[in-house]
C-alpha cells in the first residue's frame, strides 16, 4: 500500500486495486461512514445521494382501477 496522506488522527493509503484504506492513530482500520467522511473531506472520493423510489408506481394503479370502472359503466 502506498501512503497518500498522514495526519495526527489518521493515515490514508492507496491499495494495489486503486481503492483507499484508512487507519487511525492506533493503526486500526477505519470503515463505514467515518471512512467515507474522511475520504470525502480529503477530496479523494465523490459521493452521490441514494436514488429515491419513484412515487409514480401508485398513480398507474389508480388510473387502471378508474378505467375498469368506466368500462363496466359503459356496458
PDB file of N, CA and C in Angstrom:
ATOM      1  N   UNK A   1       0.843  -1.182   0.000  1.00  0.00           N
ATOM      2  CA  UNK A   1       0.000   0.000   0.000  1.00  0.00           C
ATOM      3  C   UNK A   1       0.885   1.240   0.000  1.00  0.00           C
ATOM      4  N   UNK A   2       0.404   2.248  -0.711  1.00  0.00           N
ATOM      5  CA  UNK A   2       1.155   3.489  -0.835  1.00  0.00           C
ATOM      6  C   UNK A   2       0.506   4.557   0.050  1.00  0.00           C
ATOM      7  N   UNK A   3       1.293   5.215   0.891  1.00  0.00           N
ATOM      8  CA  UNK A   3       0.791   6.268   1.764  1.00  0.00           C
ATOM      9  C   UNK A   3       0.416   7.482   0.925  1.00  0.00           C
ATOM     10  N   UNK A   4      -0.847   7.916   1.051  1.00  0.00           N
ATOM     11  CA  UNK A   4      -1.330   9.075   0.314  1.00  0.00           C
ATOM     12  C   UNK A   4      -1.252  10.321   1.184  1.00  0.00           C
ATOM     13  N   UNK A   5      -1.733  10.205   2.434  1.00  0.00           N
ATOM     14  CA  UNK A   5      -1.725  11.348   3.338  1.00  0.00           C
ATOM     15  C   UNK A   5      -1.691  10.852   4.771  1.00  0.00           C
ATOM     16  N   UNK A   6      -0.946  11.555   5.614  1.00  0.00           N
ATOM     17  CA  UNK A   6      -0.866  11.193   7.027  1.00  0.00           C
ATOM     18  C   UNK A   6      -1.138  12.438   7.861  1.00  0.00           C
ATOM     19  N   UNK A   7      -2.057  12.301   8.826  1.00  0.00           N
ATOM     20  CA  UNK A   7      -2.341  13.376   9.771  1.00  0.00           C
ATOM     21  C   UNK A   7      -2.142  12.819  11.172  1.00  0.00           C
ATOM     22  N   UNK A   8      -2.366  13.651  12.182  1.00  0.00           N
ATOM     23  CA  UNK A   8      -2.248  13.176  13.562  1.00  0.00           C
ATOM     24  C   UNK A   8      -3.347  12.174  13.900  1.00  0.00           C
ATOM     25  N   UNK A   9      -4.499  12.286  13.233  1.00  0.00           N
ATOM     26  CA  UNK A   9      -5.651  11.449  13.548  1.00  0.00           C
ATOM     27  C   UNK A   9      -5.722  10.168  12.725  1.00  0.00           C
ATOM     28  N   UNK A  10      -5.251  10.195  11.486  1.00  0.00           N
ATOM     29  CA  UNK A  10      -5.382   9.027  10.607  1.00  0.00           C
ATOM     30  C   UNK A  10      -4.351   9.051   9.492  1.00  0.00           C
ATOM     31  N   UNK A  11      -4.199   7.891   8.837  1.00  0.00           N
ATOM     32  CA  UNK A  11      -3.345   7.750   7.655  1.00  0.00           C
ATOM     33  C   UNK A  11      -4.194   7.172   6.531  1.00  0.00           C
ATOM     34  N   UNK A  12      -4.022   7.698   5.327  1.00  0.00           N
ATOM     35  CA  UNK A  12      -4.760   7.213   4.163  1.00  0.00           C
ATOM     36  C   UNK A  12      -3.771   6.536   3.230  1.00  0.00           C
ATOM     37  N   UNK A  13      -4.108   5.311   2.842  1.00  0.00           N
ATOM     38  CA  UNK A  13      -3.272   4.528   1.940  1.00  0.00           C
ATOM     39  C   UNK A  13      -4.055   4.217   0.679  1.00  0.00           C
ATOM     40  N   UNK A  14      -3.333   4.078  -0.452  1.00  0.00           N
ATOM     41  CA  UNK A  14      -3.961   3.601  -1.683  1.00  0.00           C
ATOM     42  C   UNK A  14      -3.507   2.172  -1.902  1.00  0.00           C
ATOM     43  N   UNK A  15      -4.482   1.283  -2.005  1.00  0.00           N
ATOM     44  CA  UNK A  15      -4.187  -0.133  -2.156  1.00  0.00           C
ATOM     45  C   UNK A  15      -3.815  -0.451  -3.597  1.00  0.00           C
ATOM     46  N   UNK A  16      -3.384  -1.685  -3.822  1.00  0.00           N
ATOM     47  CA  UNK A  16      -2.992  -2.132  -5.154  1.00  0.00           C
ATOM     48  C   UNK A  16      -4.136  -2.131  -6.149  1.00  0.00           C
ATOM     49  N   UNK A  17      -5.379  -2.259  -5.656  1.00  0.00           N
ATOM     50  CA  UNK A  17      -6.542  -2.259  -6.543  1.00  0.00           C
ATOM     51  C   UNK A  17      -7.148  -0.861  -6.703  1.00  0.00           C
ATOM     52  N   UNK A  18      -6.357   0.173  -6.399  1.00  0.00           N
ATOM     53  CA  UNK A  18      -6.730   1.580  -6.575  1.00  0.00           C
ATOM     54  C   UNK A  18      -7.790   2.074  -5.594  1.00  0.00           C
ATOM     55  N   UNK A  19      -8.189   1.255  -4.607  1.00  0.00           N
ATOM     56  CA  UNK A  19      -9.114   1.727  -3.580  1.00  0.00           C
ATOM     57  C   UNK A  19      -8.313   2.278  -2.412  1.00  0.00           C
ATOM     58  N   UNK A  20      -9.007   2.876  -1.446  1.00  0.00           N
ATOM     59  CA  UNK A  20      -8.329   3.512  -0.326  1.00  0.00           C
ATOM     60  C   UNK A  20      -8.565   2.753   0.973  1.00  0.00           C
ATOM     61  N   UNK A  21      -7.551   2.782   1.830  1.00  0.00           N
ATOM     62  CA  UNK A  21      -7.641   2.228   3.174  1.00  0.00           C
ATOM     63  C   UNK A  21      -7.307   3.357   4.135  1.00  0.00           C
ATOM     64  N   UNK A  22      -8.040   3.426   5.252  1.00  0.00           N
ATOM     65  CA  UNK A  22      -7.798   4.461   6.255  1.00  0.00           C
ATOM     66  C   UNK A  22      -7.524   3.769   7.578  1.00  0.00           C
ATOM     67  N   UNK A  23      -6.456   4.196   8.250  1.00  0.00           N
ATOM     68  CA  UNK A  23      -6.112   3.670   9.568  1.00  0.00           C
ATOM     69  C   UNK A  23      -6.029   4.831  10.541  1.00  0.00           C
ATOM     70  N   UNK A  24      -6.531   4.605  11.765  1.00  0.00           N
ATOM     71  CA  UNK A  24      -6.479   5.664  12.764  1.00  0.00           C
ATOM     72  C   UNK A  24      -5.097   5.740  13.402  1.00  0.00           C
ATOM     73  N   UNK A  25      -4.934   6.607  14.396  1.00  0.00           N
ATOM     74  CA  UNK A  25      -3.633   6.821  15.027  1.00  0.00           C
ATOM     75  C   UNK A  25      -3.112   5.559  15.706  1.00  0.00           C
ATOM     76  N   UNK A  26      -4.023   4.670  16.124  1.00  0.00           N
ATOM     77  CA  UNK A  26      -3.637   3.416  16.768  1.00  0.00           C
ATOM     78  C   UNK A  26      -3.395   2.311  15.742  1.00  0.00           C
ATOM     79  N   UNK A  27      -3.336   2.665  14.460  1.00  0.00           N
ATOM     80  CA  UNK A  27      -3.099   1.726  13.350  1.00  0.00           C
ATOM     81  C   UNK A  27      -4.237   0.723  13.160  1.00  0.00           C
ATOM     82  N   UNK A  28      -5.441   1.080  13.635  1.00  0.00           N
ATOM     83  CA  UNK A  28      -6.610   0.220  13.439  1.00  0.00           C
ATOM     84  C   UNK A  28      -7.395   0.738  12.237  1.00  0.00           C
ATOM     85  N   UNK A  29      -7.958  -0.177  11.421  1.00  0.00           N
ATOM     86  CA  UNK A  29      -8.692   0.251  10.222  1.00  0.00           C
ATOM     87  C   UNK A  29      -9.953   1.050  10.561  1.00  0.00           C
ATOM     88  N   UNK A  30     -10.226   2.050   9.756  1.00  0.00           N
ATOM     89  CA  UNK A  30     -11.440   2.858   9.864  1.00  0.00           C
ATOM     90  C   UNK A  30     -12.338   2.442   8.709  1.00  0.00           C
ATOM     91  N   UNK A  31     -13.608   2.154   9.004  1.00  0.00           N
ATOM     92  CA  UNK A  31     -14.533   1.685   7.972  1.00  0.00           C
ATOM     93  C   UNK A  31     -15.856   2.425   8.036  1.00  0.00           C
ATOM     94  N   UNK A  32     -16.690   2.180   7.063  1.00  0.00           N
ATOM     95  CA  UNK A  32     -18.059   2.683   7.059  1.00  0.00           C
ATOM     96  C   UNK A  32     -18.159   4.170   6.794  1.00  0.00           C
ATOM     97  N   UNK A  33     -19.130   4.791   7.465  1.00  0.00           N
ATOM     98  CA  UNK A  33     -19.417   6.201   7.238  1.00  0.00           C
ATOM     99  C   UNK A  33     -18.245   7.092   7.621  1.00  0.00           C
ATOM    100  N   UNK A  34     -17.522   6.721   8.678  1.00  0.00           N
ATOM    101  CA  UNK A  34     -16.384   7.533   9.100  1.00  0.00           C
ATOM    102  C   UNK A  34     -15.299   7.550   8.020  1.00  0.00           C
ATOM    103  N   UNK A  35     -15.038   6.388   7.411  1.00  0.00           N
ATOM    104  CA  UNK A  35     -14.051   6.307   6.327  1.00  0.00           C
ATOM    105  C   UNK A  35     -14.504   7.150   5.138  1.00  0.00           C
ATOM    106  N   UNK A  36     -15.766   7.040   4.772  1.00  0.00           N
ATOM    107  CA  UNK A  36     -16.298   7.809   3.649  1.00  0.00           C
ATOM    108  C   UNK A  36     -16.205   9.304   3.935  1.00  0.00           C
ATOM    109  N   UNK A  37     -16.494   9.715   5.166  1.00  0.00           N
ATOM    110  CA  UNK A  37     -16.422  11.125   5.542  1.00  0.00           C
ATOM    111  C   UNK A  37     -14.991  11.646   5.410  1.00  0.00           C
ATOM    112  N   UNK A  38     -14.008  10.857   5.868  1.00  0.00           N
ATOM    113  CA  UNK A  38     -12.597  11.255   5.790  1.00  0.00           C
ATOM    114  C   UNK A  38     -12.156  11.380   4.335  1.00  0.00           C
ATOM    115  N   UNK A  39     -12.462  10.382   3.517  1.00  0.00           N
ATOM    116  CA  UNK A  39     -12.049  10.408   2.109  1.00  0.00           C
ATOM    117  C   UNK A  39     -12.731  11.540   1.344  1.00  0.00           C
ATOM    118  N   UNK A  40     -13.990  11.821   1.681  1.00  0.00           N
ATOM    119  CA  UNK A  40     -14.714  12.920   1.048  1.00  0.00           C
ATOM    120  C   UNK A  40     -14.088  14.261   1.429  1.00  0.00           C
ATOM    121  N   UNK A  41     -13.735  14.425   2.702  1.00  0.00           N
ATOM    122  CA  UNK A  41     -13.119  15.669   3.170  1.00  0.00           C
ATOM    123  C   UNK A  41     -11.764  15.907   2.502  1.00  0.00           C
ATOM    124  N   UNK A  42     -11.046  14.838   2.197  1.00  0.00           N
ATOM    125  CA  UNK A  42      -9.734  14.959   1.549  1.00  0.00           C
ATOM    126  C   UNK A  42      -9.849  15.089   0.032  1.00  0.00           C
ATOM    127  N   UNK A  43     -11.063  14.964  -0.500  1.00  0.00           N
ATOM    128  CA  UNK A  43     -11.274  15.110  -1.937  1.00  0.00           C
ATOM    129  C   UNK A  43     -10.852  13.893  -2.743  1.00  0.00           C
ATOM    130  N   UNK A  44     -10.761  12.736  -2.104  1.00  0.00           N
ATOM    131  CA  UNK A  44     -10.325  11.527  -2.806  1.00  0.00           C
ATOM    132  C   UNK A  44     -11.482  10.752  -3.424  1.00  0.00           C
ATOM    133  N   UNK A  45     -12.695  10.969  -2.905  1.00  0.00           N
ATOM    134  CA  UNK A  45     -13.868  10.297  -3.457  1.00  0.00           C
ATOM    135  C   UNK A  45     -14.992  11.307  -3.611  1.00  0.00           C
ATOM    136  N   UNK A  46     -16.005  10.929  -4.391  1.00  0.00           N
ATOM    137  CA  UNK A  46     -17.221  11.718  -4.534  1.00  0.00           C
ATOM    138  C   UNK A  46     -18.382  10.802  -4.193  1.00  0.00           C
ATOM    139  N   UNK A  47     -19.306  11.293  -3.388  1.00  0.00           N
ATOM    140  CA  UNK A  47     -20.472  10.509  -3.009  1.00  0.00           C
ATOM    141  C   UNK A  47     -21.705  11.067  -3.704  1.00  0.00           C
ATOM    142  N   UNK A  48     -22.618  10.181  -4.050  1.00  0.00           N
ATOM    143  CA  UNK A  48     -23.887  10.588  -4.623  1.00  0.00           C
ATOM    144  C   UNK A  48     -24.993  10.201  -3.659  1.00  0.00           C
ATOM    145  N   UNK A  49     -26.059  10.955  -3.660  1.00  0.00           N
ATOM    146  CA  UNK A  49     -27.197  10.652  -2.801  1.00  0.00           C
ATOM    147  C   UNK A  49     -27.902   9.413  -3.345  1.00  0.00           C
ATOM    148  N   UNK A  50     -28.437   8.580  -2.459  1.00  0.00           N
ATOM    149  CA  UNK A  50     -29.165   7.402  -2.937  1.00  0.00           C
ATOM    150  C   UNK A  50     -30.399   7.818  -3.733  1.00  0.00           C
ATOM    151  N   UNK A  51     -30.698   7.067  -4.757  1.00  0.00           N
ATOM    152  CA  UNK A  51     -31.842   7.372  -5.612  1.00  0.00           C
ATOM    153  C   UNK A  51     -33.139   7.131  -4.851  1.00  0.00           C
ATOM    154  N   UNK A  52     -34.069   8.066  -4.993  1.00  0.00           N
ATOM    155  CA  UNK A  52     -35.363   7.912  -4.340  1.00  0.00           C
ATOM    156  C   UNK A  52     -36.256   7.027  -5.198  1.00  0.00           C
ATOM    157  N   UNK A  53     -37.121   6.271  -4.529  1.00  0.00           N
ATOM    158  CA  UNK A  53     -38.059   5.426  -5.266  1.00  0.00           C
ATOM    159  C   UNK A  53     -39.119   6.320  -5.906  1.00  0.00           C
ATOM    160  N   UNK A  54     -39.466   6.077  -7.148  1.00  0.00           N
ATOM    161  CA  UNK A  54     -40.464   6.930  -7.799  1.00  0.00           C
ATOM    162  C   UNK A  54     -41.843   6.741  -7.179  1.00  0.00           C
ATOM    163  N   UNK A  55     -42.556   7.841  -6.986  1.00  0.00           N
ATOM    164  CA  UNK A  55     -43.896   7.798  -6.408  1.00  0.00           C
ATOM    165  C   UNK A  55     -44.938   7.526  -7.485  1.00  0.00           C
ATOM    166  N   UNK A  56     -44.520   7.362  -8.723  1.00  0.00           N
ATOM    167  CA  UNK A  56     -45.439   7.160  -9.837  1.00  0.00           C
ATOM    168  C   UNK A  56     -46.043   5.761  -9.858  1.00  0.00           C
ATOM    169  N   UNK A  57     -45.502   4.843  -9.075  1.00  0.00           N
ATOM    170  CA  UNK A  57     -45.994   3.467  -9.101  1.00  0.00           C
ATOM    171  C   UNK A  57     -47.449   3.383  -8.656  1.00  0.00           C
ATOM    172  N   UNK A  58     -47.863   4.234  -7.713  1.00  0.00           N
ATOM    173  CA  UNK A  58     -49.229   4.186  -7.216  1.00  0.00           C
ATOM    174  C   UNK A  58     -50.209   4.799  -8.217  1.00  0.00           C
ATOM    175  N   UNK A  59     -49.796   5.814  -8.942  1.00  0.00           N
ATOM    176  CA  UNK A  59     -50.680   6.514  -9.865  1.00  0.00           C
ATOM    177  C   UNK A  59     -51.226   5.599 -10.967  1.00  0.00           C
ATOM    178  N   UNK A  60     -50.425   4.782 -11.648  1.00  0.00           N
ATOM    179  CA  UNK A  60     -50.989   3.918 -12.689  1.00  0.00           C
ATOM    180  C   UNK A  60     -52.003   2.913 -12.137  1.00  0.00           C
ATOM    181  N   UNK A  61     -51.829   2.453 -10.926  1.00  0.00           N
ATOM    182  CA  UNK A  61     -52.774   1.506 -10.347  1.00  0.00           C
ATOM    183  C   UNK A  61     -54.131   2.177 -10.163  1.00  0.00           C
ATOM    184  N   UNK A  62     -54.132   3.440  -9.751  1.00  0.00           N
ATOM    185  CA  UNK A  62     -55.383   4.163  -9.574  1.00  0.00           C
ATOM    186  C   UNK A  62     -56.047   4.422 -10.918  1.00  0.00           C
ATOM    187  N   UNK A  63     -55.265   4.753 -11.939  1.00  0.00           N
ATOM    188  CA  UNK A  63     -55.813   5.003 -13.268  1.00  0.00           C
ATOM    189  C   UNK A  63     -56.428   3.737 -13.843  1.00  0.00           C
ATOM    190  N   UNK A  64     -55.777   2.605 -13.626  1.00  0.00           N
ATOM    191  CA  UNK A  64     -56.284   1.334 -14.123  1.00  0.00           C
ATOM    192  C   UNK A  64     -57.622   1.013 -13.473  1.00  0.00           C
ATOM    193  N   UNK A  65     -57.732   1.245 -12.176  1.00  0.00           N
ATOM    194  CA  UNK A  65     -58.986   0.989 -11.474  1.00  0.00           C
ATOM    195  C   UNK A  65     -60.076   1.917 -12.002  1.00  0.00           C
ATOM    196  N   UNK A  66     -59.742   3.156 -12.275  1.00  0.00           N
ATOM    197  CA  UNK A  66     -60.723   4.110 -12.800  1.00  0.00           C
ATOM    198  C   UNK A  66     -61.161   3.706 -14.205  1.00  0.00           C
ATOM    199  N   UNK A  67     -60.239   3.223 -15.022  1.00  0.00           N
ATOM    200  CA  UNK A  67     -60.569   2.794 -16.378  1.00  0.00           C
ATOM    201  C   UNK A  67     -61.483   1.579 -16.351  1.00  0.00           C
ATOM    202  N   UNK A  68     -61.240   0.644 -15.438  1.00  0.00           N
ATOM    203  CA  UNK A  68     -62.078  -0.549 -15.339  1.00  0.00           C
ATOM    204  C   UNK A  68     -63.492  -0.166 -14.928  1.00  0.00           C
ATOM    205  N   UNK A  69     -63.603   0.795 -14.014  1.00  0.00           N
ATOM    206  CA  UNK A  69     -64.918   1.270 -13.582  1.00  0.00           C
ATOM    207  C   UNK A  69     -65.661   1.930 -14.725  1.00  0.00           C
ATOM    208  N   UNK A  70     -64.967   2.652 -15.565  1.00  0.00           N
ATOM    209  CA  UNK A  70     -65.582   3.326 -16.708  1.00  0.00           C
ATOM    210  C   UNK A  70     -66.053   2.304 -17.733  1.00  0.00           C
ATOM    211  N   UNK A  71     -65.287   1.239 -17.933  1.00  0.00           N
ATOM    212  CA  UNK A  71     -65.662   0.200 -18.892  1.00  0.00           C
ATOM    213  C   UNK A  71     -66.904  -0.548 -18.418  1.00  0.00           C
ATOM    214  N   UNK A  72     -66.985  -0.827 -17.119  1.00  0.00           N
ATOM    215  CA  UNK A  72     -68.144  -1.539 -16.580  1.00  0.00           C
ATOM    216  C   UNK A  72     -69.392  -0.670 -16.690  1.00  0.00           C
ATOM    217  N   UNK A  73     -69.254   0.625 -16.472  1.00  0.00           N
ATOM    218  CA  UNK A  73     -70.390   1.538 -16.555  1.00  0.00           C
ATOM    219  C   UNK A  73     -70.878   1.652 -17.999  1.00  0.00           C
ATOM    220  N   UNK A  74     -69.969   1.533 -18.959  1.00  0.00           N
ATOM    221  CA  UNK A  74     -70.328   1.642 -20.370  1.00  0.00           C
ATOM    222  C   UNK A  74     -71.119   0.430 -20.829  1.00  0.00           C
ATOM    223  N   UNK A  75     -70.899  -0.701 -20.200  1.00  0.00           N
ATOM    224  CA  UNK A  75     -71.596  -1.924 -20.634  1.00  0.00           C
ATOM    225  C   UNK A  75     -72.952  -1.964 -20.068  1.00  0.00           C
TER     226      UNK A  75
END
